[in-house]
PDB file of N, CA and C in Angstrom:
ATOM      1  N   MET A   1      74.263  39.901  13.713  1.00  0.00           N
ATOM      2  CA  MET A   1      73.984  40.404  12.382  1.00  0.00           C
ATOM      3  C   MET A   1      73.249  41.731  12.538  1.00  0.00           C
ATOM      4  N   SER A   2      73.750  42.727  11.908  1.00  0.00           N
ATOM      5  CA  SER A   2      73.189  44.063  12.051  1.00  0.00           C
ATOM      6  C   SER A   2      72.575  44.522  10.729  1.00  0.00           C
ATOM      7  N   ILE A   3      71.403  43.985  10.430  1.00  0.00           N
ATOM      8  CA  ILE A   3      70.697  44.333   9.190  1.00  0.00           C
ATOM      9  C   ILE A   3      69.347  44.909   9.584  1.00  0.00           C
ATOM     10  N   SER A   4      69.006  46.035   9.009  1.00  0.00           N
ATOM     11  CA  SER A   4      67.711  46.634   9.337  1.00  0.00           C
ATOM     12  C   SER A   4      66.585  45.865   8.662  1.00  0.00           C
ATOM     13  N   GLN A   5      65.405  46.004   9.225  1.00  0.00           N
ATOM     14  CA  GLN A   5      64.226  45.379   8.628  1.00  0.00           C
ATOM     15  C   GLN A   5      64.003  45.904   7.214  1.00  0.00           C
ATOM     16  N   ASN A   6      64.214  47.191   7.026  1.00  0.00           N
ATOM     17  CA  ASN A   6      64.040  47.780   5.688  1.00  0.00           C
ATOM     18  C   ASN A   6      65.025  47.203   4.687  1.00  0.00           C
ATOM     19  N   ALA A   7      66.283  47.066   5.095  1.00  0.00           N
ATOM     20  CA  ALA A   7      67.298  46.513   4.198  1.00  0.00           C
ATOM     21  C   ALA A   7      66.965  45.068   3.836  1.00  0.00           C
ATOM     22  N   MET A   8      66.541  44.299   4.820  1.00  0.00           N
ATOM     23  CA  MET A   8      66.175  42.908   4.554  1.00  0.00           C
ATOM     24  C   MET A   8      64.987  42.837   3.608  1.00  0.00           C
ATOM     25  N   ALA A   9      63.984  43.650   3.864  1.00  0.00           N
ATOM     26  CA  ALA A   9      62.790  43.655   3.014  1.00  0.00           C
ATOM     27  C   ALA A   9      63.157  43.971   1.567  1.00  0.00           C
ATOM     28  N   ARG A  10      63.990  44.973   1.373  1.00  0.00           N
ATOM     29  CA  ARG A  10      64.413  45.327   0.005  1.00  0.00           C
ATOM     30  C   ARG A  10      65.185  44.169  -0.627  1.00  0.00           C
ATOM     31  N   ALA A  11      66.039  43.533   0.165  1.00  0.00           N
ATOM     32  CA  ALA A  11      66.879  42.454  -0.357  1.00  0.00           C
ATOM     33  C   ALA A  11      66.073  41.235  -0.793  1.00  0.00           C
ATOM     34  N   ILE A  12      64.952  40.980  -0.123  1.00  0.00           N
ATOM     35  CA  ILE A  12      64.171  39.788  -0.484  1.00  0.00           C
ATOM     36  C   ILE A  12      62.920  40.129  -1.291  1.00  0.00           C
ATOM     37  N   GLY A  13      62.710  41.417  -1.547  1.00  0.00           N
ATOM     38  CA  GLY A  13      61.613  41.826  -2.432  1.00  0.00           C
ATOM     39  C   GLY A  13      60.234  41.828  -1.800  1.00  0.00           C
ATOM     40  N   VAL A  14      60.164  42.220  -0.517  1.00  0.00           N
ATOM     41  CA  VAL A  14      58.860  42.320   0.148  1.00  0.00           C
ATOM     42  C   VAL A  14      58.737  43.693   0.801  1.00  0.00           C
ATOM     43  N   ALA A  15      57.544  44.016   1.234  1.00  0.00           N
ATOM     44  CA  ALA A  15      57.310  45.286   1.918  1.00  0.00           C
ATOM     45  C   ALA A  15      57.954  45.254   3.308  1.00  0.00           C
ATOM     46  N   PRO A  16      58.563  46.346   3.725  1.00  0.00           N
ATOM     47  CA  PRO A  16      59.153  46.400   5.063  1.00  0.00           C
ATOM     48  C   PRO A  16      58.151  46.050   6.166  1.00  0.00           C
ATOM     49  N   ARG A  17      56.911  46.394   5.955  1.00  0.00           N
ATOM     50  CA  ARG A  17      55.883  46.089   6.950  1.00  0.00           C
ATOM     51  C   ARG A  17      55.764  44.572   7.178  1.00  0.00           C
ATOM     52  N   ALA A  18      55.942  43.790   6.120  1.00  0.00           N
ATOM     53  CA  ALA A  18      55.857  42.332   6.251  1.00  0.00           C
ATOM     54  C   ALA A  18      56.920  41.814   7.210  1.00  0.00           C
ATOM     55  N   ILE A  19      58.141  42.313   7.076  1.00  0.00           N
ATOM     56  CA  ILE A  19      59.224  41.889   7.971  1.00  0.00           C
ATOM     57  C   ILE A  19      58.926  42.343   9.391  1.00  0.00           C
ATOM     58  N   ASN A  20      58.496  43.582   9.543  1.00  0.00           N
ATOM     59  CA  ASN A  20      58.181  44.117  10.865  1.00  0.00           C
ATOM     60  C   ASN A  20      57.108  43.299  11.562  1.00  0.00           C
ATOM     61  N   GLU A  21      56.076  42.914  10.819  1.00  0.00           N
ATOM     62  CA  GLU A  21      54.994  42.138  11.413  1.00  0.00           C
ATOM     63  C   GLU A  21      55.441  40.725  11.787  1.00  0.00           C
ATOM     64  N   ILE A  22      56.341  40.149  11.023  1.00  0.00           N
ATOM     65  CA  ILE A  22      56.890  38.834  11.381  1.00  0.00           C
ATOM     66  C   ILE A  22      57.733  38.962  12.649  1.00  0.00           C
ATOM     67  N   VAL A  23      58.574  39.976  12.704  1.00  0.00           N
ATOM     68  CA  VAL A  23      59.427  40.196  13.876  1.00  0.00           C
ATOM     69  C   VAL A  23      58.595  40.357  15.143  1.00  0.00           C
ATOM     70  N   HIS A  24      57.455  41.024  15.029  1.00  0.00           N
ATOM     71  CA  HIS A  24      56.607  41.280  16.193  1.00  0.00           C
ATOM     72  C   HIS A  24      55.475  40.264  16.349  1.00  0.00           C
ATOM     73  N   ALA A  25      55.609  39.112  15.669  1.00  0.00           N
ATOM     74  CA  ALA A  25      54.667  37.988  15.774  1.00  0.00           C
ATOM     75  C   ALA A  25      53.233  38.387  15.430  1.00  0.00           C
ATOM     76  N   LYS A  26      53.092  39.311  14.493  1.00  0.00           N
ATOM     77  CA  LYS A  26      51.757  39.704  14.026  1.00  0.00           C
ATOM     78  C   LYS A  26      51.445  39.079  12.667  1.00  0.00           C
ATOM     79  N   ARG A  27      52.422  38.411  12.088  1.00  0.00           N
ATOM     80  CA  ARG A  27      52.271  37.755  10.788  1.00  0.00           C
ATOM     81  C   ARG A  27      53.069  36.468  10.807  1.00  0.00           C
ATOM     82  N   SER A  28      52.547  35.457  10.150  1.00  0.00           N
ATOM     83  CA  SER A  28      53.237  34.172  10.067  1.00  0.00           C
ATOM     84  C   SER A  28      54.274  34.179   8.948  1.00  0.00           C
ATOM     85  N   ILE A  29      55.210  33.258   9.061  1.00  0.00           N
ATOM     86  CA  ILE A  29      56.171  33.035   7.981  1.00  0.00           C
ATOM     87  C   ILE A  29      55.515  32.061   7.014  1.00  0.00           C
ATOM     88  N   THR A  30      55.065  32.558   5.885  1.00  0.00           N
ATOM     89  CA  THR A  30      54.390  31.723   4.891  1.00  0.00           C
ATOM     90  C   THR A  30      55.414  30.828   4.187  1.00  0.00           C
ATOM     91  N   PRO A  31      54.946  29.805   3.479  1.00  0.00           N
ATOM     92  CA  PRO A  31      55.896  28.992   2.713  1.00  0.00           C
ATOM     93  C   PRO A  31      56.713  29.834   1.723  1.00  0.00           C
ATOM     94  N   GLN A  32      56.065  30.807   1.078  1.00  0.00           N
ATOM     95  CA  GLN A  32      56.807  31.672   0.148  1.00  0.00           C
ATOM     96  C   GLN A  32      57.871  32.487   0.880  1.00  0.00           C
ATOM     97  N   MET A  33      57.510  33.000   2.057  1.00  0.00           N
ATOM     98  CA  MET A  33      58.476  33.778   2.839  1.00  0.00           C
ATOM     99  C   MET A  33      59.597  32.869   3.335  1.00  0.00           C
ATOM    100  N   SER A  34      59.282  31.607   3.647  1.00  0.00           N
ATOM    101  CA  SER A  34      60.306  30.647   4.055  1.00  0.00           C
ATOM    102  C   SER A  34      61.366  30.481   2.978  1.00  0.00           C
ATOM    103  N   ILE A  35      60.927  30.440   1.738  1.00  0.00           N
ATOM    104  CA  ILE A  35      61.864  30.323   0.612  1.00  0.00           C
ATOM    105  C   ILE A  35      62.747  31.553   0.540  1.00  0.00           C
ATOM    106  N   ARG A  36      62.139  32.728   0.684  1.00  0.00           N
ATOM    107  CA  ARG A  36      62.905  33.983   0.643  1.00  0.00           C
ATOM    108  C   ARG A  36      63.899  34.054   1.807  1.00  0.00           C
ATOM    109  N   PHE A  37      63.450  33.715   3.019  1.00  0.00           N
ATOM    110  CA  PHE A  37      64.330  33.755   4.186  1.00  0.00           C
ATOM    111  C   PHE A  37      65.481  32.770   4.019  1.00  0.00           C
ATOM    112  N   GLY A  38      65.163  31.575   3.524  1.00  0.00           N
ATOM    113  CA  GLY A  38      66.207  30.580   3.305  1.00  0.00           C
ATOM    114  C   GLY A  38      67.282  31.078   2.362  1.00  0.00           C
ATOM    115  N   ALA A  39      66.857  31.686   1.257  1.00  0.00           N
ATOM    116  CA  ALA A  39      67.818  32.223   0.289  1.00  0.00           C
ATOM    117  C   ALA A  39      68.623  33.364   0.904  1.00  0.00           C
ATOM    118  N   PHE A  40      67.968  34.237   1.654  1.00  0.00           N
ATOM    119  CA  PHE A  40      68.625  35.400   2.250  1.00  0.00           C
ATOM    120  C   PHE A  40      69.667  34.989   3.294  1.00  0.00           C
ATOM    121  N   PHE A  41      69.295  34.075   4.182  1.00  0.00           N
ATOM    122  CA  PHE A  41      70.186  33.675   5.267  1.00  0.00           C
ATOM    123  C   PHE A  41      71.082  32.483   4.925  1.00  0.00           C
ATOM    124  N   GLY A  42      70.916  31.919   3.722  1.00  0.00           N
ATOM    125  CA  GLY A  42      71.735  30.779   3.325  1.00  0.00           C
ATOM    126  C   GLY A  42      71.350  29.507   4.054  1.00  0.00           C
ATOM    127  N   GLN A  43      70.060  29.373   4.342  1.00  0.00           N
ATOM    128  CA  GLN A  43      69.551  28.186   5.012  1.00  0.00           C
ATOM    129  C   GLN A  43      68.447  27.580   4.151  1.00  0.00           C
ATOM    130  N   SER A  44      67.996  26.408   4.543  1.00  0.00           N
ATOM    131  CA  SER A  44      66.922  25.780   3.772  1.00  0.00           C
ATOM    132  C   SER A  44      65.587  26.445   4.091  1.00  0.00           C
ATOM    133  N   GLU A  45      64.695  26.404   3.131  1.00  0.00           N
ATOM    134  CA  GLU A  45      63.341  26.920   3.374  1.00  0.00           C
ATOM    135  C   GLU A  45      62.621  26.071   4.420  1.00  0.00           C
ATOM    136  N   ASP A  46      62.997  24.795   4.500  1.00  0.00           N
ATOM    137  CA  ASP A  46      62.400  23.905   5.505  1.00  0.00           C
ATOM    138  C   ASP A  46      62.697  24.374   6.925  1.00  0.00           C
ATOM    139  N   PHE A  47      63.867  24.947   7.130  1.00  0.00           N
ATOM    140  CA  PHE A  47      64.230  25.466   8.440  1.00  0.00           C
ATOM    141  C   PHE A  47      63.235  26.537   8.876  1.00  0.00           C
ATOM    142  N   TRP A  48      62.958  27.492   8.001  1.00  0.00           N
ATOM    143  CA  TRP A  48      62.054  28.596   8.334  1.00  0.00           C
ATOM    144  C   TRP A  48      60.616  28.134   8.435  1.00  0.00           C
ATOM    145  N   HIS A  49      60.234  27.223   7.562  1.00  0.00           N
ATOM    146  CA  HIS A  49      58.879  26.672   7.639  1.00  0.00           C
ATOM    147  C   HIS A  49      58.703  25.918   8.953  1.00  0.00           C
ATOM    148  N   GLY A  50      59.726  25.172   9.341  1.00  0.00           N
ATOM    149  CA  GLY A  50      59.678  24.417  10.590  1.00  0.00           C
ATOM    150  C   GLY A  50      59.546  25.320  11.807  1.00  0.00           C
ATOM    151  N   ILE A  51      60.210  26.452  11.786  1.00  0.00           N
ATOM    152  CA  ILE A  51      60.085  27.404  12.894  1.00  0.00           C
ATOM    153  C   ILE A  51      58.641  27.875  13.014  1.00  0.00           C
ATOM    154  N   GLN A  52      58.012  28.182  11.885  1.00  0.00           N
ATOM    155  CA  GLN A  52      56.623  28.656  11.927  1.00  0.00           C
ATOM    156  C   GLN A  52      55.686  27.569  12.429  1.00  0.00           C
ATOM    157  N   VAL A  53      55.884  26.347  11.955  1.00  0.00           N
ATOM    158  CA  VAL A  53      55.038  25.237  12.402  1.00  0.00           C
ATOM    159  C   VAL A  53      55.191  25.029  13.902  1.00  0.00           C
ATOM    160  N   GLU A  54      56.411  25.081  14.396  1.00  0.00           N
ATOM    161  CA  GLU A  54      56.657  24.924  15.839  1.00  0.00           C
ATOM    162  C   GLU A  54      55.962  26.028  16.628  1.00  0.00           C
ATOM    163  N   CYS A  55      56.054  27.253  16.165  1.00  0.00           N
ATOM    164  CA  CYS A  55      55.377  28.371  16.843  1.00  0.00           C
ATOM    165  C   CYS A  55      53.865  28.178  16.836  1.00  0.00           C
ATOM    166  N   ASP A  56      53.334  27.732  15.708  1.00  0.00           N
ATOM    167  CA  ASP A  56      51.887  27.500  15.605  1.00  0.00           C
ATOM    168  C   ASP A  56      51.434  26.435  16.601  1.00  0.00           C
ATOM    169  N   PHE A  57      52.183  25.324  16.667  1.00  0.00           N
ATOM    170  CA  PHE A  57      51.807  24.251  17.585  1.00  0.00           C
ATOM    171  C   PHE A  57      51.925  24.683  19.047  1.00  0.00           C
ATOM    172  N   ARG A  58      52.954  25.425  19.376  1.00  0.00           N
ATOM    173  CA  ARG A  58      53.101  25.904  20.757  1.00  0.00           C
ATOM    174  C   ARG A  58      51.937  26.804  21.132  1.00  0.00           C
ATOM    175  N   SER A  59      51.529  27.636  20.209  1.00  0.00           N
ATOM    176  CA  SER A  59      50.407  28.533  20.459  1.00  0.00           C
ATOM    177  C   SER A  59      49.109  27.749  20.626  1.00  0.00           C
ATOM    178  N   LEU A  60      48.889  26.761  19.765  1.00  0.00           N
ATOM    179  CA  LEU A  60      47.671  25.953  19.829  1.00  0.00           C
ATOM    180  C   LEU A  60      47.645  25.015  21.030  1.00  0.00           C
ATOM    181  N   HIS A  61      48.810  24.610  21.489  1.00  0.00           N
ATOM    182  CA  HIS A  61      48.870  23.686  22.622  1.00  0.00           C
ATOM    183  C   HIS A  61      48.146  24.262  23.838  1.00  0.00           C
ATOM    184  N   LYS A  62      48.197  25.565  23.986  1.00  0.00           N
ATOM    185  CA  LYS A  62      47.519  26.222  25.103  1.00  0.00           C
ATOM    186  C   LYS A  62      46.008  26.053  25.014  1.00  0.00           C
ATOM    187  N   GLU A  63      45.512  25.842  23.794  1.00  0.00           N
ATOM    188  CA  GLU A  63      44.072  25.711  23.572  1.00  0.00           C
ATOM    189  C   GLU A  63      43.645  24.277  23.268  1.00  0.00           C
ATOM    190  N   ALA A  64      44.537  23.311  23.445  1.00  0.00           N
ATOM    191  CA  ALA A  64      44.276  21.937  23.020  1.00  0.00           C
ATOM    192  C   ALA A  64      42.995  21.367  23.620  1.00  0.00           C
ATOM    193  N   ALA A  65      42.784  21.551  24.909  1.00  0.00           N
ATOM    194  CA  ALA A  65      41.584  20.994  25.556  1.00  0.00           C
ATOM    195  C   ALA A  65      40.318  21.556  24.920  1.00  0.00           C
ATOM    196  N   LYS A  66      40.328  22.832  24.632  1.00  0.00           N
ATOM    197  CA  LYS A  66      39.169  23.479  24.012  1.00  0.00           C
ATOM    198  C   LYS A  66      38.959  22.970  22.581  1.00  0.00           C
ATOM    199  N   ILE A  67      40.047  22.768  21.857  1.00  0.00           N
ATOM    200  CA  ILE A  67      39.970  22.329  20.463  1.00  0.00           C
ATOM    201  C   ILE A  67      39.382  20.920  20.364  1.00  0.00           C
ATOM    202  N   ILE A  68      39.782  20.025  21.266  1.00  0.00           N
ATOM    203  CA  ILE A  68      39.345  18.626  21.167  1.00  0.00           C
ATOM    204  C   ILE A  68      38.122  18.312  22.019  1.00  0.00           C
ATOM    205  N   GLN A  69      37.561  19.308  22.637  1.00  0.00           N
ATOM    206  CA  GLN A  69      36.439  19.102  23.552  1.00  0.00           C
ATOM    207  C   GLN A  69      35.315  18.257  22.955  1.00  0.00           C
ATOM    208  N   TYR A  70      34.955  18.469  21.722  1.00  0.00           N
ATOM    209  CA  TYR A  70      33.824  17.766  21.103  1.00  0.00           C
ATOM    210  C   TYR A  70      34.259  16.747  20.038  1.00  0.00           C
ATOM    211  N   VAL A  71      35.545  16.430  19.999  1.00  0.00           N
ATOM    212  CA  VAL A  71      36.052  15.473  19.014  1.00  0.00           C
ATOM    213  C   VAL A  71      35.777  14.053  19.500  1.00  0.00           C
ATOM    214  N   GLN A  72      35.165  13.257  18.637  1.00  0.00           N
ATOM    215  CA  GLN A  72      34.954  11.844  18.952  1.00  0.00           C
ATOM    216  C   GLN A  72      36.170  11.061  18.475  1.00  0.00           C
ATOM    217  N   THR A  73      36.520  10.029  19.198  1.00  0.00           N
ATOM    218  CA  THR A  73      37.642   9.191  18.780  1.00  0.00           C
ATOM    219  C   THR A  73      37.188   8.203  17.710  1.00  0.00           C
ATOM    220  N   ALA A  74      38.130   7.749  16.919  1.00  0.00           N
ATOM    221  CA  ALA A  74      37.822   6.734  15.920  1.00  0.00           C
ATOM    222  C   ALA A  74      37.322   5.461  16.588  1.00  0.00           C
ATOM    223  N   GLU A  75      37.922   5.137  17.735  1.00  0.00           N
ATOM    224  CA  GLU A  75      37.515   3.944  18.471  1.00  0.00           C
ATOM    225  C   GLU A  75      36.039   4.020  18.889  1.00  0.00           C
ATOM    226  N   SER A  76      35.616   5.171  19.341  1.00  0.00           N
ATOM    227  CA  SER A  76      34.216   5.292  19.780  1.00  0.00           C
ATOM    228  C   SER A  76      33.264   5.131  18.599  1.00  0.00           C
ATOM    229  N   LEU A  77      33.654   5.540  17.409  1.00  0.00           N
ATOM    230  CA  LEU A  77      32.818   5.349  16.232  1.00  0.00           C
ATOM    231  C   LEU A  77      32.741   3.889  15.832  1.00  0.00           C
ATOM    232  N   MET A  78      33.843   3.186  15.938  1.00  0.00           N
ATOM    233  CA  MET A  78      33.846   1.767  15.586  1.00  0.00           C
ATOM    234  C   MET A  78      32.975   0.960  16.536  1.00  0.00           C
ATOM    235  N   VAL A  79      32.988   1.292  17.805  1.00  0.00           N
ATOM    236  CA  VAL A  79      32.157   0.606  18.792  1.00  0.00           C
ATOM    237  C   VAL A  79      30.684   0.826  18.458  1.00  0.00           C
ATOM    238  N   CYS A  80      30.337   2.048  18.087  1.00  0.00           N
ATOM    239  CA  CYS A  80      28.938   2.361  17.739  1.00  0.00           C
ATOM    240  C   CYS A  80      28.492   1.601  16.489  1.00  0.00           C
ATOM    241  N   GLU A  81      29.386   1.437  15.511  1.00  0.00           N
ATOM    242  CA  GLU A  81      29.044   0.756  14.269  1.00  0.00           C
ATOM    243  C   GLU A  81      28.874  -0.748  14.485  1.00  0.00           C
ATOM    244  N   ASP A  82      29.586  -1.300  15.456  1.00  0.00           N
ATOM    245  CA  ASP A  82      29.515  -2.734  15.739  1.00  0.00           C
ATOM    246  C   ASP A  82      28.181  -3.133  16.349  1.00  0.00           C
ATOM    247  N   LYS A  83      27.491  -2.208  16.927  1.00  0.00           N
ATOM    248  CA  LYS A  83      26.223  -2.528  17.617  1.00  0.00           C
ATOM    249  C   LYS A  83      25.078  -2.632  16.664  1.00  0.00           C
TER     250      LYS A  83
END
């Protein structure tokens, strides 16, 4: 498909910069943008939303140990309450 970022932006009613930033992974595909992309490409908005969620999880997976470092498990709380 040979469509410029500017042409796509005009077609879906957003600023060309928004498309450029999505292409270069500097901006996320918001739910609203998912709807626009779905209509433009003839796909469901869920498809585009799912791509963004997958990218977000892949990015966060690299930091998973750091994110959960201080998280207590539900099981550990129940054990404490039983005492």
